[in-house]
PDB file of N, CA and C in Angstrom:
ATOM      1  N   UNK A   1      -3.298   9.896   0.872  1.00  0.00           N
ATOM      2  CA  UNK A   1      -2.611   9.363   1.897  1.00  0.00           C
ATOM      3  C   UNK A   1      -3.435   8.465   2.799  1.00  0.00           C
ATOM      4  N   UNK A   2      -4.698   8.545   2.703  1.00  0.00           N
ATOM      5  CA  UNK A   2      -5.536   7.551   3.451  1.00  0.00           C
ATOM      6  C   UNK A   2      -5.264   6.120   2.923  1.00  0.00           C
ATOM      7  N   UNK A   3      -4.902   6.064   1.547  1.00  0.00           N
ATOM      8  CA  UNK A   3      -4.427   4.737   1.161  1.00  0.00           C
ATOM      9  C   UNK A   3      -3.210   4.149   1.765  1.00  0.00           C
ATOM     10  N   UNK A   4      -2.294   5.049   2.084  1.00  0.00           N
ATOM     11  CA  UNK A   4      -1.057   4.737   2.713  1.00  0.00           C
ATOM     12  C   UNK A   4      -1.476   4.240   4.169  1.00  0.00           C
ATOM     13  N   UNK A   5      -2.410   5.066   4.788  1.00  0.00           N
ATOM     14  CA  UNK A   5      -2.889   4.595   6.148  1.00  0.00           C
ATOM     15  C   UNK A   5      -3.491   3.313   6.130  1.00  0.00           C
ATOM     16  N   UNK A   6      -4.298   3.058   5.166  1.00  0.00           N
ATOM     17  CA  UNK A   6      -4.987   1.799   5.028  1.00  0.00           C
ATOM     18  C   UNK A   6      -3.999   0.659   4.797  1.00  0.00           C
ATOM     19  N   UNK A   7      -2.892   0.868   3.994  1.00  0.00           N
ATOM     20  CA  UNK A   7      -1.871  -0.039   3.750  1.00  0.00           C
ATOM     21  C   UNK A   7      -1.254  -0.500   5.095  1.00  0.00           C
ATOM     22  N   UNK A   8      -0.859   0.506   5.883  1.00  0.00           N
ATOM     23  CA  UNK A   8      -0.214   0.246   7.140  1.00  0.00           C
ATOM     24  C   UNK A   8      -1.163  -0.460   8.190  1.00  0.00           C
ATOM     25  N   UNK A   9      -2.419  -0.027   8.064  1.00  0.00           N
ATOM     26  CA  UNK A   9      -3.478  -0.755   8.916  1.00  0.00           C
ATOM     27  C   UNK A   9      -3.487  -2.232   8.649  1.00  0.00           C
ATOM     28  N   UNK A  10      -3.529  -2.503   7.370  1.00  0.00           N
ATOM     29  CA  UNK A  10      -3.554  -3.966   6.938  1.00  0.00           C
ATOM     30  C   UNK A  10      -2.263  -4.657   7.357  1.00  0.00           C
ATOM     31  N   UNK A  11      -1.138  -3.985   7.241  1.00  0.00           N
ATOM     32  CA  UNK A  11       0.179  -4.672   7.541  1.00  0.00           C
ATOM     33  C   UNK A  11       0.242  -4.900   9.014  1.00  0.00           C
ATOM     34  N   UNK A  12      -0.095  -4.012   9.768  1.00  0.00           N
ATOM     35  CA  UNK A  12      -0.088  -4.244  11.312  1.00  0.00           C
ATOM     36  C   UNK A  12      -1.148  -5.142  11.757  1.00  0.00           C
ATOM     37  N   UNK A  13      -2.288  -5.294  11.114  1.00  0.00           N
ATOM     38  CA  UNK A  13      -3.191  -6.405  11.439  1.00  0.00           C
ATOM     39  C   UNK A  13      -2.658  -7.691  11.097  1.00  0.00           C
ATOM     40  N   UNK A  14      -1.937  -7.813   9.961  1.00  0.00           N
ATOM     41  CA  UNK A  14      -1.259  -9.123   9.721  1.00  0.00           C
ATOM     42  C   UNK A  14      -0.205  -9.399  10.746  1.00  0.00           C
ATOM     43  N   UNK A  15       0.562  -8.463  11.087  1.00  0.00           N
ATOM     44  CA  UNK A  15       1.597  -8.662  12.115  1.00  0.00           C
ATOM     45  C   UNK A  15       0.899  -9.091  13.434  1.00  0.00           C
ATOM     46  N   UNK A  16      -0.134  -8.543  13.838  1.00  0.00           N
ATOM     47  CA  UNK A  16      -0.950  -9.000  15.062  1.00  0.00           C
ATOM     48  C   UNK A  16      -1.411 -10.399  14.925  1.00  0.00           C
ATOM     49  N   UNK A  17      -1.899 -10.703  13.756  1.00  0.00           N
ATOM     50  CA  UNK A  17      -2.413 -12.106  13.540  1.00  0.00           C
ATOM     51  C   UNK A  17      -1.279 -13.149  13.623  1.00  0.00           C
ATOM     52  N   UNK A  18      -0.092 -12.773  12.960  1.00  0.00           N
ATOM     53  CA  UNK A  18       1.050 -13.661  13.023  1.00  0.00           C
ATOM     54  C   UNK A  18       1.450 -13.827  14.491  1.00  0.00           C
ATOM     55  N   UNK A  19       1.594 -12.764  15.251  1.00  0.00           N
ATOM     56  CA  UNK A  19       2.010 -12.892  16.600  1.00  0.00           C
ATOM     57  C   UNK A  19       0.984 -13.717  17.312  1.00  0.00           C
ATOM     58  N   UNK A  20      -0.218 -13.588  17.165  1.00  0.00           N
ATOM     59  CA  UNK A  20      -1.213 -14.433  17.758  1.00  0.00           C
ATOM     60  C   UNK A  20      -1.138 -15.887  17.460  1.00  0.00           C
ATOM     61  N   UNK A  21      -0.852 -16.162  16.181  1.00  0.00           N
ATOM     62  CA  UNK A  21      -0.720 -17.561  15.795  1.00  0.00           C
ATOM     63  C   UNK A  21       0.638 -18.070  16.454  1.00  0.00           C
ATOM     64  N   UNK A  22       1.645 -17.368  16.505  1.00  0.00           N
ATOM     65  CA  UNK A  22       2.991 -17.784  17.096  1.00  0.00           C
ATOM     66  C   UNK A  22       2.888 -18.011  18.565  1.00  0.00           C
ATOM     67  N   UNK A  23       2.277 -17.056  19.251  1.00  0.00           N
ATOM     68  CA  UNK A  23       2.270 -17.002  20.714  1.00  0.00           C
ATOM     69  C   UNK A  23       0.976 -17.711  21.306  1.00  0.00           C
ATOM     70  N   UNK A  24      -0.060 -17.765  20.519  1.00  0.00           N
ATOM     71  CA  UNK A  24      -1.290 -18.349  21.029  1.00  0.00           C
ATOM     72  C   UNK A  24      -2.301 -17.407  21.665  1.00  0.00           C
ATOM     73  N   UNK A  25      -3.435 -17.839  21.939  1.00  0.00           N
ATOM     74  CA  UNK A  25      -4.443 -16.885  22.541  1.00  0.00           C
ATOM     75  C   UNK A  25      -4.047 -16.317  23.921  1.00  0.00           C
ATOM     76  N   UNK A  26      -3.191 -17.007  24.607  1.00  0.00           N
ATOM     77  CA  UNK A  26      -2.760 -16.471  25.936  1.00  0.00           C
ATOM     78  C   UNK A  26      -2.038 -15.012  25.897  1.00  0.00           C
ATOM     79  N   UNK A  27      -1.530 -14.667  24.698  1.00  0.00           N
ATOM     80  CA  UNK A  27      -0.946 -13.375  24.552  1.00  0.00           C
ATOM     81  C   UNK A  27      -2.135 -12.314  24.676  1.00  0.00           C
ATOM     82  N   UNK A  28      -3.141 -12.603  23.884  1.00  0.00           N
ATOM     83  CA  UNK A  28      -4.269 -11.663  23.914  1.00  0.00           C
ATOM     84  C   UNK A  28      -4.878 -11.574  25.364  1.00  0.00           C
ATOM     85  N   UNK A  29      -5.119 -12.711  25.938  1.00  0.00           N
ATOM     86  CA  UNK A  29      -5.713 -12.761  27.281  1.00  0.00           C
ATOM     87  C   UNK A  29      -4.841 -12.135  28.304  1.00  0.00           C
ATOM     88  N   UNK A  30      -3.454 -12.223  28.202  1.00  0.00           N
ATOM     89  CA  UNK A  30      -2.586 -11.682  29.298  1.00  0.00           C
ATOM     90  C   UNK A  30      -2.603 -10.134  29.189  1.00  0.00           C
ATOM     91  N   UNK A  31      -2.963  -9.542  28.125  1.00  0.00           N
ATOM     92  CA  UNK A  31      -3.029  -8.136  27.970  1.00  0.00           C
ATOM     93  C   UNK A  31      -4.516  -7.585  28.164  1.00  0.00           C
ATOM     94  N   UNK A  32      -5.438  -8.502  28.418  1.00  0.00           N
ATOM     95  CA  UNK A  32      -6.794  -8.131  28.566  1.00  0.00           C
ATOM     96  C   UNK A  32      -7.347  -7.361  27.367  1.00  0.00           C
ATOM     97  N   UNK A  33      -6.865  -7.703  26.129  1.00  0.00           N
ATOM     98  CA  UNK A  33      -7.435  -7.071  25.036  1.00  0.00           C
ATOM     99  C   UNK A  33      -8.108  -8.195  24.123  1.00  0.00           C
ATOM    100  N   UNK A  34      -9.077  -7.840  23.454  1.00  0.00           N
ATOM    101  CA  UNK A  34      -9.687  -8.740  22.512  1.00  0.00           C
ATOM    102  C   UNK A  34      -9.007  -8.508  21.145  1.00  0.00           C
ATOM    103  N   UNK A  35      -8.953  -9.527  20.369  1.00  0.00           N
ATOM    104  CA  UNK A  35      -8.299  -9.419  19.017  1.00  0.00           C
ATOM    105  C   UNK A  35      -9.110  -8.359  18.237  1.00  0.00           C
ATOM    106  N   UNK A  36     -10.280  -8.376  18.228  1.00  0.00           N
ATOM    107  CA  UNK A  36     -11.085  -7.378  17.441  1.00  0.00           C
ATOM    108  C   UNK A  36     -10.790  -5.955  17.831  1.00  0.00           C
ATOM    109  N   UNK A  37     -10.625  -5.741  19.133  1.00  0.00           N
ATOM    110  CA  UNK A  37     -10.238  -4.492  19.671  1.00  0.00           C
ATOM    111  C   UNK A  37      -8.900  -3.983  19.157  1.00  0.00           C
ATOM    112  N   UNK A  38      -7.947  -4.923  19.213  1.00  0.00           N
ATOM    113  CA  UNK A  38      -6.610  -4.626  18.740  1.00  0.00           C
ATOM    114  C   UNK A  38      -6.595  -4.282  17.212  1.00  0.00           C
ATOM    115  N   UNK A  39      -7.281  -5.054  16.449  1.00  0.00           N
ATOM    116  CA  UNK A  39      -7.229  -4.943  14.978  1.00  0.00           C
ATOM    117  C   UNK A  39      -8.020  -3.577  14.748  1.00  0.00           C
ATOM    118  N   UNK A  40      -9.153  -3.388  15.418  1.00  0.00           N
ATOM    119  CA  UNK A  40      -9.861  -1.999  15.196  1.00  0.00           C
ATOM    120  C   UNK A  40      -9.022  -0.821  15.561  1.00  0.00           C
ATOM    121  N   UNK A  41      -8.263  -0.961  16.640  1.00  0.00           N
ATOM    122  CA  UNK A  41      -7.413   0.103  16.938  1.00  0.00           C
ATOM    123  C   UNK A  41      -6.315   0.445  15.877  1.00  0.00           C
ATOM    124  N   UNK A  42      -5.757  -0.619  15.357  1.00  0.00           N
ATOM    125  CA  UNK A  42      -4.748  -0.433  14.235  1.00  0.00           C
ATOM    126  C   UNK A  42      -5.395   0.158  13.013  1.00  0.00           C
ATOM    127  N   UNK A  43      -6.618  -0.277  12.615  1.00  0.00           N
ATOM    128  CA  UNK A  43      -7.255   0.241  11.465  1.00  0.00           C
ATOM    129  C   UNK A  43      -7.629   1.711  11.719  1.00  0.00           C
ATOM    130  N   UNK A  44      -8.274   2.039  12.760  1.00  0.00           N
ATOM    131  CA  UNK A  44      -8.710   3.445  12.992  1.00  0.00           C
ATOM    132  C   UNK A  44      -7.382   4.374  13.173  1.00  0.00           C
ATOM    133  N   UNK A  45      -6.413   3.929  13.969  1.00  0.00           N
ATOM    134  CA  UNK A  45      -5.271   4.675  14.105  1.00  0.00           C
ATOM    135  C   UNK A  45      -4.480   4.930  12.803  1.00  0.00           C
ATOM    136  N   UNK A  46      -4.292   3.914  12.022  1.00  0.00           N
ATOM    137  CA  UNK A  46      -3.510   4.077  10.825  1.00  0.00           C
ATOM    138  C   UNK A  46      -4.240   4.864   9.738  1.00  0.00           C
ATOM    139  N   UNK A  47      -5.535   4.787   9.666  1.00  0.00           N
ATOM    140  CA  UNK A  47      -6.321   5.457   8.639  1.00  0.00           C
ATOM    141  C   UNK A  47      -6.287   6.952   9.099  1.00  0.00           C
ATOM    142  N   UNK A  48      -6.423   7.242  10.417  1.00  0.00           N
ATOM    143  CA  UNK A  48      -6.370   8.591  10.875  1.00  0.00           C
ATOM    144  C   UNK A  48      -4.963   9.186  10.616  1.00  0.00           C
ATOM    145  N   UNK A  49      -3.962   8.387  10.760  1.00  0.00           N
ATOM    146  CA  UNK A  49      -2.598   8.823  10.584  1.00  0.00           C
ATOM    147  C   UNK A  49      -2.451   9.173   9.008  1.00  0.00           C
ATOM    148  N   UNK A  50      -2.948   8.379   8.200  1.00  0.00           N
ATOM    149  CA  UNK A  50      -2.929   8.666   6.745  1.00  0.00           C
ATOM    150  C   UNK A  50      -3.621   9.916   6.455  1.00  0.00           C
ATOM    151  N   UNK A  51      -4.710  10.181   6.982  1.00  0.00           N
ATOM    152  CA  UNK A  51      -5.440  11.448   6.771  1.00  0.00           C
ATOM    153  C   UNK A  51      -4.648  12.673   7.290  1.00  0.00           C
ATOM    154  N   UNK A  52      -4.015  12.480   8.447  1.00  0.00           N
ATOM    155  CA  UNK A  52      -3.182  13.591   9.028  1.00  0.00           C
ATOM    156  C   UNK A  52      -2.077  13.917   7.991  1.00  0.00           C
ATOM    157  N   UNK A  53      -1.306  12.893   7.516  1.00  0.00           N
ATOM    158  CA  UNK A  53      -0.254  13.039   6.647  1.00  0.00           C
ATOM    159  C   UNK A  53      -0.730  13.671   5.332  1.00  0.00           C
ATOM    160  N   UNK A  54      -1.861  13.134   4.896  1.00  0.00           N
ATOM    161  CA  UNK A  54      -2.358  13.813   3.580  1.00  0.00           C
ATOM    162  C   UNK A  54      -2.773  15.251   3.609  1.00  0.00           C
ATOM    163  N   UNK A  55      -3.328  15.708   4.849  1.00  0.00           N
ATOM    164  CA  UNK A  55      -3.675  17.005   5.054  1.00  0.00           C
ATOM    165  C   UNK A  55      -2.438  17.912   5.230  1.00  0.00           C
ATOM    166  N   UNK A  56      -1.394  17.411   5.914  1.00  0.00           N
ATOM    167  CA  UNK A  56      -0.186  18.090   6.256  1.00  0.00           C
ATOM    168  C   UNK A  56       1.024  17.955   5.228  1.00  0.00           C
ATOM    169  N   UNK A  57       0.606  17.349   4.062  1.00  0.00           N
ATOM    170  CA  UNK A  57       1.676  16.956   3.120  1.00  0.00           C
ATOM    171  C   UNK A  57       2.637  18.095   2.751  1.00  0.00           C
ATOM    172  N   UNK A  58       2.140  19.294   2.511  1.00  0.00           N
ATOM    173  CA  UNK A  58       3.027  20.325   2.090  1.00  0.00           C
ATOM    174  C   UNK A  58       4.176  20.558   3.227  1.00  0.00           C
ATOM    175  N   UNK A  59       3.874  20.232   4.465  1.00  0.00           N
ATOM    176  CA  UNK A  59       4.901  20.486   5.487  1.00  0.00           C
ATOM    177  C   UNK A  59       5.967  19.410   5.421  1.00  0.00           C
ATOM    178  N   UNK A  60       5.829  18.377   4.775  1.00  0.00           N
ATOM    179  CA  UNK A  60       6.787  17.366   4.694  1.00  0.00           C
ATOM    180  C   UNK A  60       7.946  17.514   3.706  1.00  0.00           C
ATOM    181  N   UNK A  61       7.958  18.717   3.079  1.00  0.00           N
ATOM    182  CA  UNK A  61       8.973  18.924   2.012  1.00  0.00           C
ATOM    183  C   UNK A  61      10.391  19.227   2.644  1.00  0.00           C
ATOM    184  N   UNK A  62      10.338  19.676   4.007  1.00  0.00           N
ATOM    185  CA  UNK A  62      11.668  19.797   4.635  1.00  0.00           C
ATOM    186  C   UNK A  62      11.707  18.851   5.784  1.00  0.00           C
ATOM    187  N   UNK A  63      12.859  18.618   6.286  1.00  0.00           N
ATOM    188  CA  UNK A  63      13.097  17.621   7.245  1.00  0.00           C
ATOM    189  C   UNK A  63      12.288  17.851   8.589  1.00  0.00           C
ATOM    190  N   UNK A  64      12.398  18.997   9.070  1.00  0.00           N
ATOM    191  CA  UNK A  64      11.776  19.403  10.376  1.00  0.00           C
ATOM    192  C   UNK A  64      10.252  19.257  10.217  1.00  0.00           C
ATOM    193  N   UNK A  65       9.593  19.685   9.165  1.00  0.00           N
ATOM    194  CA  UNK A  65       8.260  19.466   8.942  1.00  0.00           C
ATOM    195  C   UNK A  65       7.847  18.008   8.816  1.00  0.00           C
ATOM    196  N   UNK A  66       8.695  17.230   8.199  1.00  0.00           N
ATOM    197  CA  UNK A  66       8.387  15.882   8.035  1.00  0.00           C
ATOM    198  C   UNK A  66       8.450  15.109   9.487  1.00  0.00           C
ATOM    199  N   UNK A  67       9.329  15.538  10.265  1.00  0.00           N
ATOM    200  CA  UNK A  67       9.364  14.939  11.668  1.00  0.00           C
ATOM    201  C   UNK A  67       8.158  15.412  12.470  1.00  0.00           C
ATOM    202  N   UNK A  68       7.778  16.631  12.346  1.00  0.00           N
ATOM    203  CA  UNK A  68       6.483  17.135  12.969  1.00  0.00           C
ATOM    204  C   UNK A  68       5.323  16.358  12.544  1.00  0.00           C
ATOM    205  N   UNK A  69       5.100  16.216  11.212  1.00  0.00           N
ATOM    206  CA  UNK A  69       4.009  15.492  10.692  1.00  0.00           C
ATOM    207  C   UNK A  69       3.993  14.026  11.070  1.00  0.00           C
ATOM    208  N   UNK A  70       5.113  13.403  11.027  1.00  0.00           N
ATOM    209  CA  UNK A  70       5.238  11.986  11.444  1.00  0.00           C
ATOM    210  C   UNK A  70       4.815  11.734  12.868  1.00  0.00           C
ATOM    211  N   UNK A  71       5.378  12.682  13.762  1.00  0.00           N
ATOM    212  CA  UNK A  71       5.015  12.554  15.188  1.00  0.00           C
ATOM    213  C   UNK A  71       3.566  12.744  15.388  1.00  0.00           C
ATOM    214  N   UNK A  72       2.986  13.802  14.731  1.00  0.00           N
ATOM    215  CA  UNK A  72       1.542  14.073  14.835  1.00  0.00           C
ATOM    216  C   UNK A  72       0.751  12.888  14.370  1.00  0.00           C
ATOM    217  N   UNK A  73       1.259  12.221  13.258  1.00  0.00           N
ATOM    218  CA  UNK A  73       0.409  11.195  12.668  1.00  0.00           C
ATOM    219  C   UNK A  73       0.428   9.970  13.605  1.00  0.00           C
ATOM    220  N   UNK A  74       1.433   9.779  14.412  1.00  0.00           N
ATOM    221  CA  UNK A  74       1.600   8.598  15.334  1.00  0.00           C
ATOM    222  C   UNK A  74       0.641   8.704  16.547  1.00  0.00           C
ATOM    223  N   UNK A  75       0.160   9.942  16.848  1.00  0.00           N
ATOM    224  CA  UNK A  75      -0.714  10.212  18.040  1.00  0.00           C
ATOM    225  C   UNK A  75      -1.892   9.384  18.003  1.00  0.00           C
ATOM    226  N   UNK A  76      -2.694   9.312  16.903  1.00  0.00           N
ATOM    227  CA  UNK A  76      -3.934   8.605  16.929  1.00  0.00           C
ATOM    228  C   UNK A  76      -3.708   7.032  17.157  1.00  0.00           C
ATOM    229  N   UNK A  77      -2.611   6.570  16.729  1.00  0.00           N
ATOM    230  CA  UNK A  77      -2.308   5.122  16.788  1.00  0.00           C
ATOM    231  C   UNK A  77      -1.990   4.793  18.264  1.00  0.00           C
ATOM    232  N   UNK A  78      -1.159   5.559  18.942  1.00  0.00           N
ATOM    233  CA  UNK A  78      -0.841   5.426  20.262  1.00  0.00           C
ATOM    234  C   UNK A  78      -1.965   5.609  21.216  1.00  0.00           C
ATOM    235  N   UNK A  79      -2.839   6.663  20.825  1.00  0.00           N
ATOM    236  CA  UNK A  79      -3.944   6.926  21.697  1.00  0.00           C
ATOM    237  C   UNK A  79      -5.007   5.835  21.609  1.00  0.00           C
ATOM    238  N   UNK A  80      -5.226   5.287  20.357  1.00  0.00           N
ATOM    239  CA  UNK A  80      -6.217   4.207  20.275  1.00  0.00           C
ATOM    240  C   UNK A  80      -5.831   3.030  21.001  1.00  0.00           C
ATOM    241  N   UNK A  81      -4.577   2.654  20.953  1.00  0.00           N
ATOM    242  CA  UNK A  81      -4.099   1.374  21.673  1.00  0.00           C
ATOM    243  C   UNK A  81      -4.096   1.626  23.198  1.00  0.00           C
ATOM    244  N   UNK A  82      -3.706   2.782  23.629  1.00  0.00           N
ATOM    245  CA  UNK A  82      -3.763   3.085  25.087  1.00  0.00           C
ATOM    246  C   UNK A  82      -5.072   3.150  25.645  1.00  0.00           C
ATOM    247  N   UNK A  83      -6.066   3.764  24.970  1.00  0.00           N
ATOM    248  CA  UNK A  83      -7.400   3.854  25.417  1.00  0.00           C
ATOM    249  C   UNK A  83      -7.998   2.428  25.485  1.00  0.00           C
ATOM    250  N   UNK A  84      -7.705   1.648  24.530  1.00  0.00           N
ATOM    251  CA  UNK A  84      -8.206   0.270  24.443  1.00  0.00           C
ATOM    252  C   UNK A  84      -7.723  -0.522  25.652  1.00  0.00           C
ATOM    253  N   UNK A  85      -6.456  -0.387  25.985  1.00  0.00           N
ATOM    254  CA  UNK A  85      -5.945  -1.008  27.153  1.00  0.00           C
ATOM    255  C   UNK A  85      -6.420  -0.486  28.503  1.00  0.00           C
ATOM    256  N   UNK A  86      -6.467   0.829  28.638  1.00  0.00           N
ATOM    257  CA  UNK A  86      -6.905   1.409  29.905  1.00  0.00           C
ATOM    258  C   UNK A  86      -8.408   1.168  30.136  1.00  0.00           C
ATOM    259  N   UNK A  87      -9.147   1.164  29.084  1.00  0.00           N
ATOM    260  CA  UNK A  87     -10.647   0.892  29.327  1.00  0.00           C
ATOM    261  C   UNK A  87     -10.906  -0.405  29.826  1.00  0.00           C
ATOM    262  N   UNK A  88     -10.029  -1.461  29.465  1.00  0.00           N
ATOM    263  CA  UNK A  88     -10.166  -2.838  30.021  1.00  0.00           C
ATOM    264  C   UNK A  88      -9.762  -2.844  31.464  1.00  0.00           C
ATOM    265  N   UNK A  89      -8.649  -2.143  31.717  1.00  0.00           N
ATOM    266  CA  UNK A  89      -7.956  -2.261  33.070  1.00  0.00           C
ATOM    267  C   UNK A  89      -8.524  -1.405  34.151  1.00  0.00           C
ATOM    268  N   UNK A  90      -8.668  -0.129  33.803  1.00  0.00           N
ATOM    269  CA  UNK A  90      -8.944   0.852  34.918  1.00  0.00           C
ATOM    270  C   UNK A  90     -10.233   1.655  34.689  1.00  0.00           C
ATOM    271  N   UNK A  91     -10.946   1.366  33.610  1.00  0.00           N
ATOM    272  CA  UNK A  91     -12.172   2.093  33.308  1.00  0.00           C
ATOM    273  C   UNK A  91     -11.959   3.307  32.520  1.00  0.00           C
ATOM    274  N   UNK A  92     -13.033   3.792  31.893  1.00  0.00           N
ATOM    275  CA  UNK A  92     -12.871   4.951  30.958  1.00  0.00           C
ATOM    276  C   UNK A  92     -12.477   6.242  31.694  1.00  0.00           C
ATOM    277  N   UNK A  93     -12.648   6.358  32.955  1.00  0.00           N
ATOM    278  CA  UNK A  93     -12.350   7.564  33.716  1.00  0.00           C
ATOM    279  C   UNK A  93     -10.857   7.935  33.660  1.00  0.00           C
ATOM    280  N   UNK A  94     -10.049   6.856  33.727  1.00  0.00           N
ATOM    281  CA  UNK A  94      -8.669   7.122  33.732  1.00  0.00           C
ATOM    282  C   UNK A  94      -7.912   7.501  32.421  1.00  0.00           C
ATOM    283  N   UNK A  95      -8.603   7.259  31.420  1.00  0.00           N
ATOM    284  CA  UNK A  95      -7.904   7.456  30.100  1.00  0.00           C
ATOM    285  C   UNK A  95      -7.486   8.843  29.803  1.00  0.00           C
ATOM    286  N   UNK A  96      -8.191   9.847  30.193  1.00  0.00           N
ATOM    287  CA  UNK A  96      -7.882  11.251  29.862  1.00  0.00           C
ATOM    288  C   UNK A  96      -6.492  11.639  30.526  1.00  0.00           C
ATOM    289  N   UNK A  97      -6.310  11.144  31.712  1.00  0.00           N
ATOM    290  CA  UNK A  97      -5.170  11.485  32.576  1.00  0.00           C
ATOM    291  C   UNK A  97      -4.020  10.624  32.046  1.00  0.00           C
ATOM    292  N   UNK A  98      -4.237   9.399  31.828  1.00  0.00           N
ATOM    293  CA  UNK A  98      -3.174   8.346  31.622  1.00  0.00           C
ATOM    294  C   UNK A  98      -2.797   8.139  30.199  1.00  0.00           C
ATOM    295  N   UNK A  99      -3.477   8.758  29.243  1.00  0.00           N
ATOM    296  CA  UNK A  99      -3.150   8.526  27.860  1.00  0.00           C
ATOM    297  C   UNK A  99      -2.273   9.531  27.129  1.00  0.00           C
ATOM    298  N   UNK A 100      -2.386  10.749  27.673  1.00  0.00           N
ATOM    299  CA  UNK A 100      -1.727  11.829  26.938  1.00  0.00           C
ATOM    300  C   UNK A 100      -0.264  11.708  26.885  1.00  0.00           C
ATOM    301  N   UNK A 101       0.429  11.501  28.033  1.00  0.00           N
ATOM    302  CA  UNK A 101       1.883  11.416  28.036  1.00  0.00           C
ATOM    303  C   UNK A 101       2.327  10.108  27.341  1.00  0.00           C
ATOM    304  N   UNK A 102       1.768   8.952  27.643  1.00  0.00           N
ATOM    305  CA  UNK A 102       2.317   7.780  26.844  1.00  0.00           C
ATOM    306  C   UNK A 102       2.016   7.852  25.417  1.00  0.00           C
ATOM    307  N   UNK A 103       0.962   8.498  24.907  1.00  0.00           N
ATOM    308  CA  UNK A 103       0.663   8.559  23.483  1.00  0.00           C
ATOM    309  C   UNK A 103       1.634   9.465  22.865  1.00  0.00           C
ATOM    310  N   UNK A 104       2.063  10.508  23.546  1.00  0.00           N
ATOM    311  CA  UNK A 104       3.048  11.443  22.975  1.00  0.00           C
ATOM    312  C   UNK A 104       4.467  10.800  23.012  1.00  0.00           C
ATOM    313  N   UNK A 105       4.739  10.066  23.944  1.00  0.00           N
ATOM    314  CA  UNK A 105       6.024   9.311  24.003  1.00  0.00           C
ATOM    315  C   UNK A 105       6.045   8.233  22.897  1.00  0.00           C
ATOM    316  N   UNK A 106       4.905   7.461  22.621  1.00  0.00           N
ATOM    317  CA  UNK A 106       4.754   6.588  21.601  1.00  0.00           C
ATOM    318  C   UNK A 106       4.923   7.287  20.258  1.00  0.00           C
ATOM    319  N   UNK A 107       4.315   8.479  20.050  1.00  0.00           N
ATOM    320  CA  UNK A 107       4.422   9.173  18.839  1.00  0.00           C
ATOM    321  C   UNK A 107       5.832   9.620  18.475  1.00  0.00           C
ATOM    322  N   UNK A 108       6.515  10.083  19.459  1.00  0.00           N
ATOM    323  CA  UNK A 108       7.915  10.610  19.233  1.00  0.00           C
ATOM    324  C   UNK A 108       8.819   9.250  18.899  1.00  0.00           C
ATOM    325  N   UNK A 109       8.645   8.240  19.806  1.00  0.00           N
ATOM    326  CA  UNK A 109       9.441   6.964  19.617  1.00  0.00           C
ATOM    327  C   UNK A 109       9.345   6.380  18.193  1.00  0.00           C
ATOM    328  N   UNK A 110       8.032   6.395  17.700  1.00  0.00           N
ATOM    329  CA  UNK A 110       7.904   5.795  16.393  1.00  0.00           C
ATOM    330  C   UNK A 110       7.800   6.783  15.284  1.00  0.00           C
ATOM    331  N   UNK A 111       7.432   8.019  15.564  1.00  0.00           N
ATOM    332  CA  UNK A 111       7.319   9.018  14.458  1.00  0.00           C
ATOM    333  C   UNK A 111       8.666   9.517  13.896  1.00  0.00           C
ATOM    334  N   UNK A 112       9.593   9.703  14.855  1.00  0.00           N
ATOM    335  CA  UNK A 112      10.962  10.263  14.459  1.00  0.00           C
ATOM    336  C   UNK A 112      11.651   9.236  13.557  1.00  0.00           C
ATOM    337  N   UNK A 113      11.689   7.987  13.898  1.00  0.00           N
ATOM    338  CA  UNK A 113      12.363   7.071  12.935  1.00  0.00           C
ATOM    339  C   UNK A 113      11.689   6.953  11.548  1.00  0.00           C
ATOM    340  N   UNK A 114      10.329   6.927  11.537  1.00  0.00           N
ATOM    341  CA  UNK A 114       9.580   6.913  10.406  1.00  0.00           C
ATOM    342  C   UNK A 114       9.968   8.071   9.516  1.00  0.00           C
ATOM    343  N   UNK A 115      10.003   9.336  10.120  1.00  0.00           N
ATOM    344  CA  UNK A 115      10.372  10.562   9.369  1.00  0.00           C
ATOM    345  C   UNK A 115      11.798  10.378   8.719  1.00  0.00           C
ATOM    346  N   UNK A 116      12.698   9.894   9.607  1.00  0.00           N
ATOM    347  CA  UNK A 116      14.097   9.821   9.103  1.00  0.00           C
ATOM    348  C   UNK A 116      14.104   8.810   7.907  1.00  0.00           C
ATOM    349  N   UNK A 117      13.466   7.669   8.105  1.00  0.00           N
ATOM    350  CA  UNK A 117      13.488   6.649   7.010  1.00  0.00           C
ATOM    351  C   UNK A 117      12.914   7.197   5.718  1.00  0.00           C
ATOM    352  N   UNK A 118      11.739   7.773   5.829  1.00  0.00           N
ATOM    353  CA  UNK A 118      11.072   8.389   4.638  1.00  0.00           C
ATOM    354  C   UNK A 118      11.864   9.494   3.972  1.00  0.00           C
ATOM    355  N   UNK A 119      12.585  10.296   4.821  1.00  0.00           N
ATOM    356  CA  UNK A 119      13.463  11.330   4.318  1.00  0.00           C
ATOM    357  C   UNK A 119      14.574  10.787   3.443  1.00  0.00           C
ATOM    358  N   UNK A 120      15.235   9.828   4.051  1.00  0.00           N
ATOM    359  CA  UNK A 120      16.392   9.111   3.449  1.00  0.00           C
ATOM    360  C   UNK A 120      15.993   8.446   2.211  1.00  0.00           C
ATOM    361  N   UNK A 121      14.866   7.874   2.140  1.00  0.00           N
ATOM    362  CA  UNK A 121      14.383   7.214   0.924  1.00  0.00           C
ATOM    363  C   UNK A 121      13.920   8.222  -0.135  1.00  0.00           C
ATOM    364  N   UNK A 122      13.744   9.485   0.223  1.00  0.00           N
ATOM    365  CA  UNK A 122      13.270  10.508  -0.719  1.00  0.00           C
ATOM    366  C   UNK A 122      11.814  10.457  -1.049  1.00  0.00           C
ATOM    367  N   UNK A 123      10.958   9.839  -0.188  1.00  0.00           N
ATOM    368  CA  UNK A 123       9.552   9.720  -0.444  1.00  0.00           C
ATOM    369  C   UNK A 123       8.899  11.087  -0.232  1.00  0.00           C
ATOM    370  N   UNK A 124       8.133  11.537  -1.193  1.00  0.00           N
ATOM    371  CA  UNK A 124       7.330  12.786  -1.114  1.00  0.00           C
ATOM    372  C   UNK A 124       8.185  14.002  -1.461  1.00  0.00           C
ATOM    373  N   UNK A 125       9.456  13.848  -1.909  1.00  0.00           N
ATOM    374  CA  UNK A 125      10.196  14.994  -2.267  1.00  0.00           C
ATOM    375  C   UNK A 125      10.448  15.173  -3.765  1.00  0.00           C
ATOM    376  N   UNK A 126       9.730  14.485  -4.563  1.00  0.00           N
ATOM    377  CA  UNK A 126       9.789  14.541  -6.047  1.00  0.00           C
ATOM    378  C   UNK A 126       9.519  15.877  -6.543  1.00  0.00           C
TER     379      UNK A 126
END
């Protein structure tokens, strides 16, 4: 599953680069993020998500387990992006307080649809 995480990391890096090309460097500057930081967050987050899915793969055989694993796998991605943003804006002290809730909201918001999509496609139920 780390291969799947690596695939998504590359896909999101390509999306970030396309957005940067379309919107220009002011997009990166307006969010106070460096492009390298964004791409690093995507790579680390998605590879960790792939590892989580790989370790918890037996739980994905039923729908509730798949939702749980998908939400859990989205936490590293949301956390990496939020820590990256908060470190630039408010310093490392604020991240522990300000990252937990938004990272969980991010995980549910993106994890649930991913779980539904993969369930409907039949992925992992062979």
